[in-house]
Amino acid sequence: MITLKREDYETILAHARACLPEEACGLLGGVIDQTGNKRVEKVYLLENTDHSSEHFTLSPQAQLAAVKDMRANGCTPLGNWHSHPSSPSRPSQEDKRLAFDSKASYMILSLQDGDAPVLHSFHIEGGMAEQEELVYV
């Protein structure tokens, strides 16, 4: 299970809409409890250096700065998030291929239905994606 504050969801949504028609992306920092549940404490809005509507790349410098900030604030890297401007909230084949960290959560925000955005979180390992329980607090 992964929990996300409603205001963090709104921040992700606003950034994703502002980046249209490109995919938006960022990182998630937070804590993992003794049972393995994750709680997002901070959302990082990063630039899609590909400036593409079909894929994203985070700059290594921006990633490093975000991870340093997480550690300075007592957080652990939990995973990343990105938007799908015109496709469903599920990992594409490219998303699965590029999911190198099996401990990470991969959140995908679909904007394909305009006024009805959909955010899901996934565990991806060995090319297989399993939806994680996402709870808003």
N, C-alpha and C. Protein backbone atom coordinates (compact mmCIF):
# COMPACT_ATOMS: atom_id res chain seq x y z
N MET A 1 0.84 -1.18 0.00
CA MET A 1 0.00 0.00 0.00
C MET A 1 0.89 1.25 0.00
N ILE A 2 0.42 2.27 -0.69
CA ILE A 2 1.11 3.55 -0.70
C ILE A 2 0.08 4.64 -0.44
N THR A 3 0.43 5.57 0.44
CA THR A 3 -0.48 6.67 0.75
C THR A 3 0.07 7.97 0.18
N LEU A 4 -0.87 8.81 -0.23
CA LEU A 4 -0.54 10.10 -0.86
C LEU A 4 -1.49 11.14 -0.32
N LYS A 5 -0.93 12.27 0.08
CA LYS A 5 -1.79 13.37 0.55
C LYS A 5 -2.57 13.95 -0.62
N ARG A 6 -3.80 14.31 -0.36
CA ARG A 6 -4.67 14.87 -1.39
C ARG A 6 -4.01 16.09 -2.03
N GLU A 7 -3.36 16.95 -1.24
CA GLU A 7 -2.73 18.14 -1.81
C GLU A 7 -1.55 17.78 -2.72
N ASP A 8 -0.86 16.66 -2.42
CA ASP A 8 0.22 16.21 -3.30
C ASP A 8 -0.35 15.70 -4.62
N TYR A 9 -1.49 15.02 -4.55
CA TYR A 9 -2.16 14.60 -5.78
C TYR A 9 -2.52 15.83 -6.63
N GLU A 10 -3.06 16.85 -5.99
CA GLU A 10 -3.44 18.07 -6.71
C GLU A 10 -2.21 18.75 -7.33
N THR A 11 -1.08 18.69 -6.65
CA THR A 11 0.16 19.27 -7.17
C THR A 11 0.61 18.52 -8.42
N ILE A 12 0.57 17.18 -8.37
CA ILE A 12 0.93 16.36 -9.52
C ILE A 12 0.00 16.67 -10.69
N LEU A 13 -1.29 16.70 -10.41
CA LEU A 13 -2.29 16.95 -11.45
C LEU A 13 -2.08 18.31 -12.11
N ALA A 14 -1.87 19.35 -11.31
CA ALA A 14 -1.67 20.69 -11.87
C ALA A 14 -0.41 20.74 -12.74
N HIS A 15 0.66 20.10 -12.28
CA HIS A 15 1.90 20.09 -13.06
C HIS A 15 1.71 19.32 -14.37
N ALA A 16 1.03 18.19 -14.30
CA ALA A 16 0.80 17.38 -15.50
C ALA A 16 -0.03 18.16 -16.52
N ARG A 17 -1.05 18.84 -16.04
CA ARG A 17 -1.87 19.65 -16.96
C ARG A 17 -1.07 20.79 -17.57
N ALA A 18 -0.20 21.41 -16.76
CA ALA A 18 0.61 22.52 -17.26
C ALA A 18 1.62 22.07 -18.31
N CYS A 19 2.01 20.81 -18.26
CA CYS A 19 3.01 20.28 -19.20
C CYS A 19 2.41 19.74 -20.50
N LEU A 20 1.08 19.66 -20.56
CA LEU A 20 0.45 19.14 -21.78
C LEU A 20 0.92 19.91 -23.00
N PRO A 21 1.14 19.30 -24.13
CA PRO A 21 0.82 17.91 -24.45
C PRO A 21 1.92 16.91 -24.10
N GLU A 22 2.97 17.37 -23.42
CA GLU A 22 4.08 16.48 -23.05
C GLU A 22 3.74 15.69 -21.79
N GLU A 23 4.44 14.56 -21.61
CA GLU A 23 4.36 13.84 -20.35
C GLU A 23 5.06 14.67 -19.28
N ALA A 24 4.48 14.68 -18.10
CA ALA A 24 5.11 15.31 -16.94
C ALA A 24 5.70 14.19 -16.10
N CYS A 25 6.65 14.53 -15.22
CA CYS A 25 7.29 13.47 -14.44
C CYS A 25 7.91 14.04 -13.17
N GLY A 26 8.26 13.14 -12.28
CA GLY A 26 8.91 13.54 -11.04
C GLY A 26 9.20 12.34 -10.16
N LEU A 27 9.64 12.64 -8.96
CA LEU A 27 10.00 11.60 -8.00
C LEU A 27 9.12 11.69 -6.76
N LEU A 28 9.14 10.62 -5.97
CA LEU A 28 8.36 10.53 -4.74
C LEU A 28 9.31 10.19 -3.59
N GLY A 29 9.24 10.98 -2.52
CA GLY A 29 10.04 10.71 -1.34
C GLY A 29 9.14 10.51 -0.15
N GLY A 30 9.56 9.67 0.78
CA GLY A 30 8.71 9.43 1.95
C GLY A 30 9.31 8.42 2.89
N VAL A 31 8.44 7.66 3.53
CA VAL A 31 8.88 6.67 4.52
C VAL A 31 8.22 5.33 4.23
N ILE A 32 8.91 4.28 4.66
CA ILE A 32 8.39 2.92 4.55
C ILE A 32 8.29 2.37 5.97
N ASP A 33 7.10 1.92 6.37
CA ASP A 33 6.94 1.43 7.74
C ASP A 33 7.40 -0.04 7.86
N GLN A 34 7.27 -0.59 9.06
CA GLN A 34 7.77 -1.93 9.35
C GLN A 34 7.07 -3.01 8.52
N THR A 35 5.86 -2.73 8.06
CA THR A 35 5.12 -3.72 7.27
C THR A 35 5.31 -3.53 5.76
N GLY A 36 6.12 -2.55 5.38
CA GLY A 36 6.40 -2.32 3.97
C GLY A 36 5.48 -1.31 3.31
N ASN A 37 4.54 -0.76 4.07
CA ASN A 37 3.66 0.27 3.51
C ASN A 37 4.44 1.56 3.31
N LYS A 38 4.14 2.26 2.23
CA LYS A 38 4.85 3.49 1.89
C LYS A 38 3.94 4.69 2.11
N ARG A 39 4.54 5.77 2.59
CA ARG A 39 3.81 7.03 2.79
C ARG A 39 4.60 8.14 2.09
N VAL A 40 4.00 8.74 1.07
CA VAL A 40 4.66 9.83 0.35
C VAL A 40 4.64 11.07 1.23
N GLU A 41 5.81 11.63 1.47
CA GLU A 41 5.95 12.86 2.25
C GLU A 41 6.24 14.07 1.37
N LYS A 42 6.85 13.82 0.20
CA LYS A 42 7.19 14.93 -0.68
C LYS A 42 7.18 14.47 -2.12
N VAL A 43 6.56 15.30 -2.97
CA VAL A 43 6.50 15.06 -4.40
C VAL A 43 7.45 16.03 -5.08
N TYR A 44 8.25 15.51 -6.00
CA TYR A 44 9.21 16.33 -6.73
C TYR A 44 8.73 16.45 -8.17
N LEU A 45 8.61 17.68 -8.63
CA LEU A 45 8.21 17.98 -10.00
C LEU A 45 9.46 18.24 -10.81
N LEU A 46 9.76 17.34 -11.74
CA LEU A 46 10.98 17.46 -12.52
C LEU A 46 10.65 17.65 -13.99
N GLU A 47 11.61 18.14 -14.73
CA GLU A 47 11.43 18.38 -16.16
C GLU A 47 11.56 17.08 -16.95
N ASN A 48 10.70 16.90 -17.92
CA ASN A 48 10.84 15.82 -18.89
C ASN A 48 11.82 16.31 -19.94
N THR A 49 13.06 15.88 -19.85
CA THR A 49 14.08 16.41 -20.76
C THR A 49 13.89 15.93 -22.20
N ASP A 50 13.01 14.94 -22.40
CA ASP A 50 12.69 14.50 -23.77
C ASP A 50 11.67 15.42 -24.43
N HIS A 51 10.90 16.14 -23.62
CA HIS A 51 9.83 17.01 -24.13
C HIS A 51 8.96 16.23 -25.12
N SER A 52 8.51 15.06 -24.70
CA SER A 52 7.75 14.17 -25.54
C SER A 52 6.38 13.88 -24.93
N SER A 53 5.41 13.56 -25.76
CA SER A 53 4.09 13.18 -25.29
C SER A 53 3.97 11.67 -25.11
N GLU A 54 5.06 10.94 -25.43
CA GLU A 54 5.01 9.48 -25.37
C GLU A 54 6.02 8.85 -24.43
N HIS A 55 6.98 9.61 -23.95
CA HIS A 55 7.94 9.06 -22.99
C HIS A 55 8.61 10.20 -22.24
N PHE A 56 9.34 9.84 -21.20
CA PHE A 56 10.00 10.87 -20.40
C PHE A 56 11.39 10.43 -19.99
N THR A 57 12.23 11.40 -19.73
CA THR A 57 13.55 11.18 -19.16
C THR A 57 13.77 12.25 -18.11
N LEU A 58 14.26 11.83 -16.95
CA LEU A 58 14.63 12.76 -15.88
C LEU A 58 16.13 13.01 -15.98
N SER A 59 16.54 14.25 -15.82
CA SER A 59 17.98 14.51 -15.88
C SER A 59 18.65 13.92 -14.64
N PRO A 60 19.84 13.34 -14.83
CA PRO A 60 20.55 12.78 -13.67
C PRO A 60 20.82 13.82 -12.59
N GLN A 61 21.11 15.07 -13.00
CA GLN A 61 21.39 16.12 -12.03
C GLN A 61 20.14 16.42 -11.19
N ALA A 62 18.98 16.50 -11.82
CA ALA A 62 17.74 16.77 -11.10
C ALA A 62 17.39 15.62 -10.17
N GLN A 63 17.61 14.40 -10.64
CA GLN A 63 17.35 13.24 -9.79
C GLN A 63 18.25 13.25 -8.56
N LEU A 64 19.52 13.52 -8.76
CA LEU A 64 20.47 13.55 -7.66
C LEU A 64 20.10 14.64 -6.66
N ALA A 65 19.73 15.81 -7.15
CA ALA A 65 19.34 16.91 -6.26
C ALA A 65 18.10 16.52 -5.44
N ALA A 66 17.14 15.85 -6.07
CA ALA A 66 15.93 15.44 -5.36
C ALA A 66 16.26 14.40 -4.29
N VAL A 67 17.10 13.43 -4.62
CA VAL A 67 17.47 12.39 -3.65
C VAL A 67 18.25 13.00 -2.49
N LYS A 68 19.12 13.96 -2.77
CA LYS A 68 19.85 14.65 -1.69
C LYS A 68 18.87 15.38 -0.78
N ASP A 69 17.87 16.04 -1.37
CA ASP A 69 16.86 16.73 -0.58
C ASP A 69 16.05 15.75 0.26
N MET A 70 15.71 14.61 -0.32
CA MET A 70 14.98 13.58 0.45
C MET A 70 15.79 13.17 1.68
N ARG A 71 17.03 12.84 1.46
CA ARG A 71 17.87 12.38 2.57
C ARG A 71 18.06 13.46 3.62
N ALA A 72 18.20 14.71 3.19
CA ALA A 72 18.36 15.82 4.12
C ALA A 72 17.11 16.01 4.97
N ASN A 73 15.96 15.57 4.45
CA ASN A 73 14.70 15.73 5.16
C ASN A 73 14.18 14.42 5.76
N GLY A 74 15.05 13.43 5.88
CA GLY A 74 14.68 12.17 6.52
C GLY A 74 13.78 11.28 5.69
N CYS A 75 13.78 11.46 4.39
CA CYS A 75 12.93 10.66 3.52
C CYS A 75 13.75 9.64 2.74
N THR A 76 13.05 8.66 2.23
CA THR A 76 13.62 7.61 1.38
C THR A 76 13.03 7.77 -0.02
N PRO A 77 13.80 7.52 -1.06
CA PRO A 77 13.21 7.51 -2.40
C PRO A 77 12.21 6.35 -2.49
N LEU A 78 10.97 6.68 -2.86
CA LEU A 78 9.91 5.66 -2.96
C LEU A 78 9.62 5.25 -4.39
N GLY A 79 9.94 6.11 -5.34
CA GLY A 79 9.65 5.80 -6.74
C GLY A 79 9.49 7.05 -7.56
N ASN A 80 8.78 6.90 -8.66
CA ASN A 80 8.56 8.06 -9.53
C ASN A 80 7.12 8.11 -9.99
N TRP A 81 6.79 9.21 -10.63
CA TRP A 81 5.46 9.39 -11.22
C TRP A 81 5.63 10.03 -12.58
N HIS A 82 4.68 9.74 -13.46
CA HIS A 82 4.63 10.44 -14.74
C HIS A 82 3.21 10.41 -15.26
N SER A 83 2.97 11.26 -16.22
CA SER A 83 1.62 11.35 -16.79
C SER A 83 1.57 10.68 -18.15
N HIS A 84 0.38 10.24 -18.49
CA HIS A 84 0.06 9.77 -19.83
C HIS A 84 -1.00 10.73 -20.38
N PRO A 85 -0.60 11.66 -21.23
CA PRO A 85 -1.54 12.67 -21.73
C PRO A 85 -2.74 12.09 -22.48
N SER A 86 -2.55 10.99 -23.20
CA SER A 86 -3.65 10.48 -24.02
C SER A 86 -3.78 8.96 -23.99
N SER A 87 -3.32 8.35 -22.90
CA SER A 87 -3.45 6.90 -22.77
C SER A 87 -3.81 6.57 -21.32
N PRO A 88 -4.24 5.33 -21.07
CA PRO A 88 -4.71 4.95 -19.73
C PRO A 88 -3.61 4.96 -18.67
N SER A 89 -4.06 4.88 -17.43
CA SER A 89 -3.16 4.83 -16.27
C SER A 89 -2.70 3.39 -16.06
N ARG A 90 -1.83 2.96 -16.96
CA ARG A 90 -1.20 1.65 -16.85
C ARG A 90 0.15 1.72 -17.53
N PRO A 91 1.10 0.93 -17.07
CA PRO A 91 2.45 1.00 -17.65
C PRO A 91 2.46 0.56 -19.11
N SER A 92 3.11 1.36 -19.92
CA SER A 92 3.33 0.98 -21.32
C SER A 92 4.45 -0.06 -21.36
N GLN A 93 4.67 -0.63 -22.52
CA GLN A 93 5.78 -1.59 -22.66
C GLN A 93 7.11 -0.90 -22.34
N GLU A 94 7.24 0.36 -22.77
CA GLU A 94 8.47 1.11 -22.47
C GLU A 94 8.60 1.36 -20.96
N ASP A 95 7.48 1.70 -20.29
CA ASP A 95 7.51 1.89 -18.84
C ASP A 95 8.01 0.62 -18.15
N LYS A 96 7.51 -0.53 -18.59
CA LYS A 96 7.93 -1.80 -17.98
C LYS A 96 9.40 -2.08 -18.26
N ARG A 97 9.82 -1.83 -19.48
CA ARG A 97 11.21 -2.09 -19.87
C ARG A 97 12.19 -1.22 -19.07
N LEU A 98 11.77 0.00 -18.75
CA LEU A 98 12.66 0.94 -18.06
C LEU A 98 12.49 0.94 -16.55
N ALA A 99 11.68 0.05 -16.02
CA ALA A 99 11.46 -0.04 -14.56
C ALA A 99 12.56 -0.91 -13.96
N PHE A 100 13.68 -0.29 -13.65
CA PHE A 100 14.85 -1.02 -13.18
C PHE A 100 14.84 -1.32 -11.68
N ASP A 101 14.08 -0.57 -10.90
CA ASP A 101 14.08 -0.73 -9.45
C ASP A 101 12.81 -1.45 -9.01
N SER A 102 12.95 -2.72 -8.64
CA SER A 102 11.78 -3.52 -8.25
C SER A 102 11.20 -3.10 -6.90
N LYS A 103 11.92 -2.27 -6.15
CA LYS A 103 11.41 -1.78 -4.86
C LYS A 103 10.62 -0.48 -5.01
N ALA A 104 10.70 0.12 -6.19
CA ALA A 104 10.07 1.43 -6.41
C ALA A 104 8.59 1.29 -6.73
N SER A 105 7.86 2.34 -6.43
CA SER A 105 6.48 2.49 -6.88
C SER A 105 6.51 3.38 -8.11
N TYR A 106 5.69 3.01 -9.09
CA TYR A 106 5.60 3.75 -10.34
C TYR A 106 4.17 4.26 -10.47
N MET A 107 3.98 5.56 -10.22
CA MET A 107 2.64 6.15 -10.34
C MET A 107 2.46 6.71 -11.74
N ILE A 108 1.27 6.46 -12.30
CA ILE A 108 0.95 6.94 -13.64
C ILE A 108 -0.39 7.66 -13.58
N LEU A 109 -0.37 8.92 -14.01
CA LEU A 109 -1.56 9.76 -14.05
C LEU A 109 -2.06 9.85 -15.49
N SER A 110 -3.24 9.32 -15.75
CA SER A 110 -3.83 9.42 -17.09
C SER A 110 -4.68 10.68 -17.18
N LEU A 111 -4.44 11.44 -18.24
CA LEU A 111 -5.22 12.65 -18.52
C LEU A 111 -6.07 12.46 -19.77
N GLN A 112 -6.20 11.23 -20.23
CA GLN A 112 -6.91 10.98 -21.50
C GLN A 112 -8.37 11.37 -21.46
N ASP A 113 -9.00 11.35 -20.28
CA ASP A 113 -10.41 11.69 -20.18
C ASP A 113 -10.65 13.13 -19.72
N GLY A 114 -9.65 13.98 -19.85
CA GLY A 114 -9.82 15.41 -19.56
C GLY A 114 -10.22 15.72 -18.13
N ASP A 115 -11.51 15.80 -17.88
CA ASP A 115 -12.01 16.17 -16.56
C ASP A 115 -12.04 15.02 -15.57
N ALA A 116 -11.63 13.83 -16.00
CA ALA A 116 -11.66 12.66 -15.11
C ALA A 116 -10.28 12.00 -15.08
N PRO A 117 -9.26 12.68 -14.51
CA PRO A 117 -7.93 12.08 -14.45
C PRO A 117 -7.94 10.84 -13.56
N VAL A 118 -7.04 9.91 -13.87
CA VAL A 118 -6.94 8.67 -13.10
C VAL A 118 -5.48 8.46 -12.72
N LEU A 119 -5.23 8.26 -11.42
CA LEU A 119 -3.88 7.99 -10.93
C LEU A 119 -3.86 6.59 -10.31
N HIS A 120 -2.91 5.78 -10.77
CA HIS A 120 -2.68 4.46 -10.19
C HIS A 120 -1.20 4.32 -9.88
N SER A 121 -0.89 3.42 -8.96
CA SER A 121 0.48 3.12 -8.61
C SER A 121 0.74 1.65 -8.90
N PHE A 122 1.96 1.35 -9.37
CA PHE A 122 2.30 0.00 -9.78
C PHE A 122 3.63 -0.46 -9.20
N HIS A 123 3.69 -1.75 -8.96
CA HIS A 123 4.95 -2.45 -8.67
C HIS A 123 5.30 -3.15 -9.97
N ILE A 124 6.50 -2.88 -10.49
CA ILE A 124 6.92 -3.48 -11.75
C ILE A 124 8.20 -4.28 -11.51
N GLU A 125 8.14 -5.53 -11.90
CA GLU A 125 9.31 -6.39 -11.73
C GLU A 125 9.31 -7.45 -12.84
N GLY A 126 10.45 -7.61 -13.48
CA GLY A 126 10.56 -8.60 -14.54
C GLY A 126 9.60 -8.39 -15.68
N GLY A 127 9.29 -7.14 -15.99
CA GLY A 127 8.39 -6.84 -17.09
C GLY A 127 6.91 -7.03 -16.76
N MET A 128 6.62 -7.38 -15.51
CA MET A 128 5.23 -7.57 -15.08
C MET A 128 4.84 -6.43 -14.15
N ALA A 129 3.64 -5.89 -14.37
CA ALA A 129 3.13 -4.78 -13.55
C ALA A 129 1.95 -5.25 -12.72
N GLU A 130 1.99 -4.90 -11.45
CA GLU A 130 0.90 -5.21 -10.54
C GLU A 130 0.46 -3.90 -9.87
N GLN A 131 -0.83 -3.61 -9.93
CA GLN A 131 -1.33 -2.38 -9.34
C GLN A 131 -1.22 -2.44 -7.81
N GLU A 132 -0.71 -1.36 -7.22
CA GLU A 132 -0.60 -1.24 -5.78
C GLU A 132 -1.84 -0.52 -5.25
N GLU A 133 -2.19 -0.80 -4.00
CA GLU A 133 -3.27 -0.06 -3.38
C GLU A 133 -2.78 1.37 -3.13
N LEU A 134 -3.52 2.34 -3.62
CA LEU A 134 -3.19 3.76 -3.45
C LEU A 134 -4.29 4.39 -2.61
N VAL A 135 -3.88 4.95 -1.47
CA VAL A 135 -4.83 5.54 -0.52
C VAL A 135 -4.53 7.02 -0.38
N TYR A 136 -5.57 7.84 -0.47
CA TYR A 136 -5.41 9.28 -0.27
C TYR A 136 -5.69 9.61 1.18
N VAL A 137 -4.86 10.47 1.76
CA VAL A 137 -5.04 10.90 3.15
C VAL A 137 -5.14 12.41 3.22
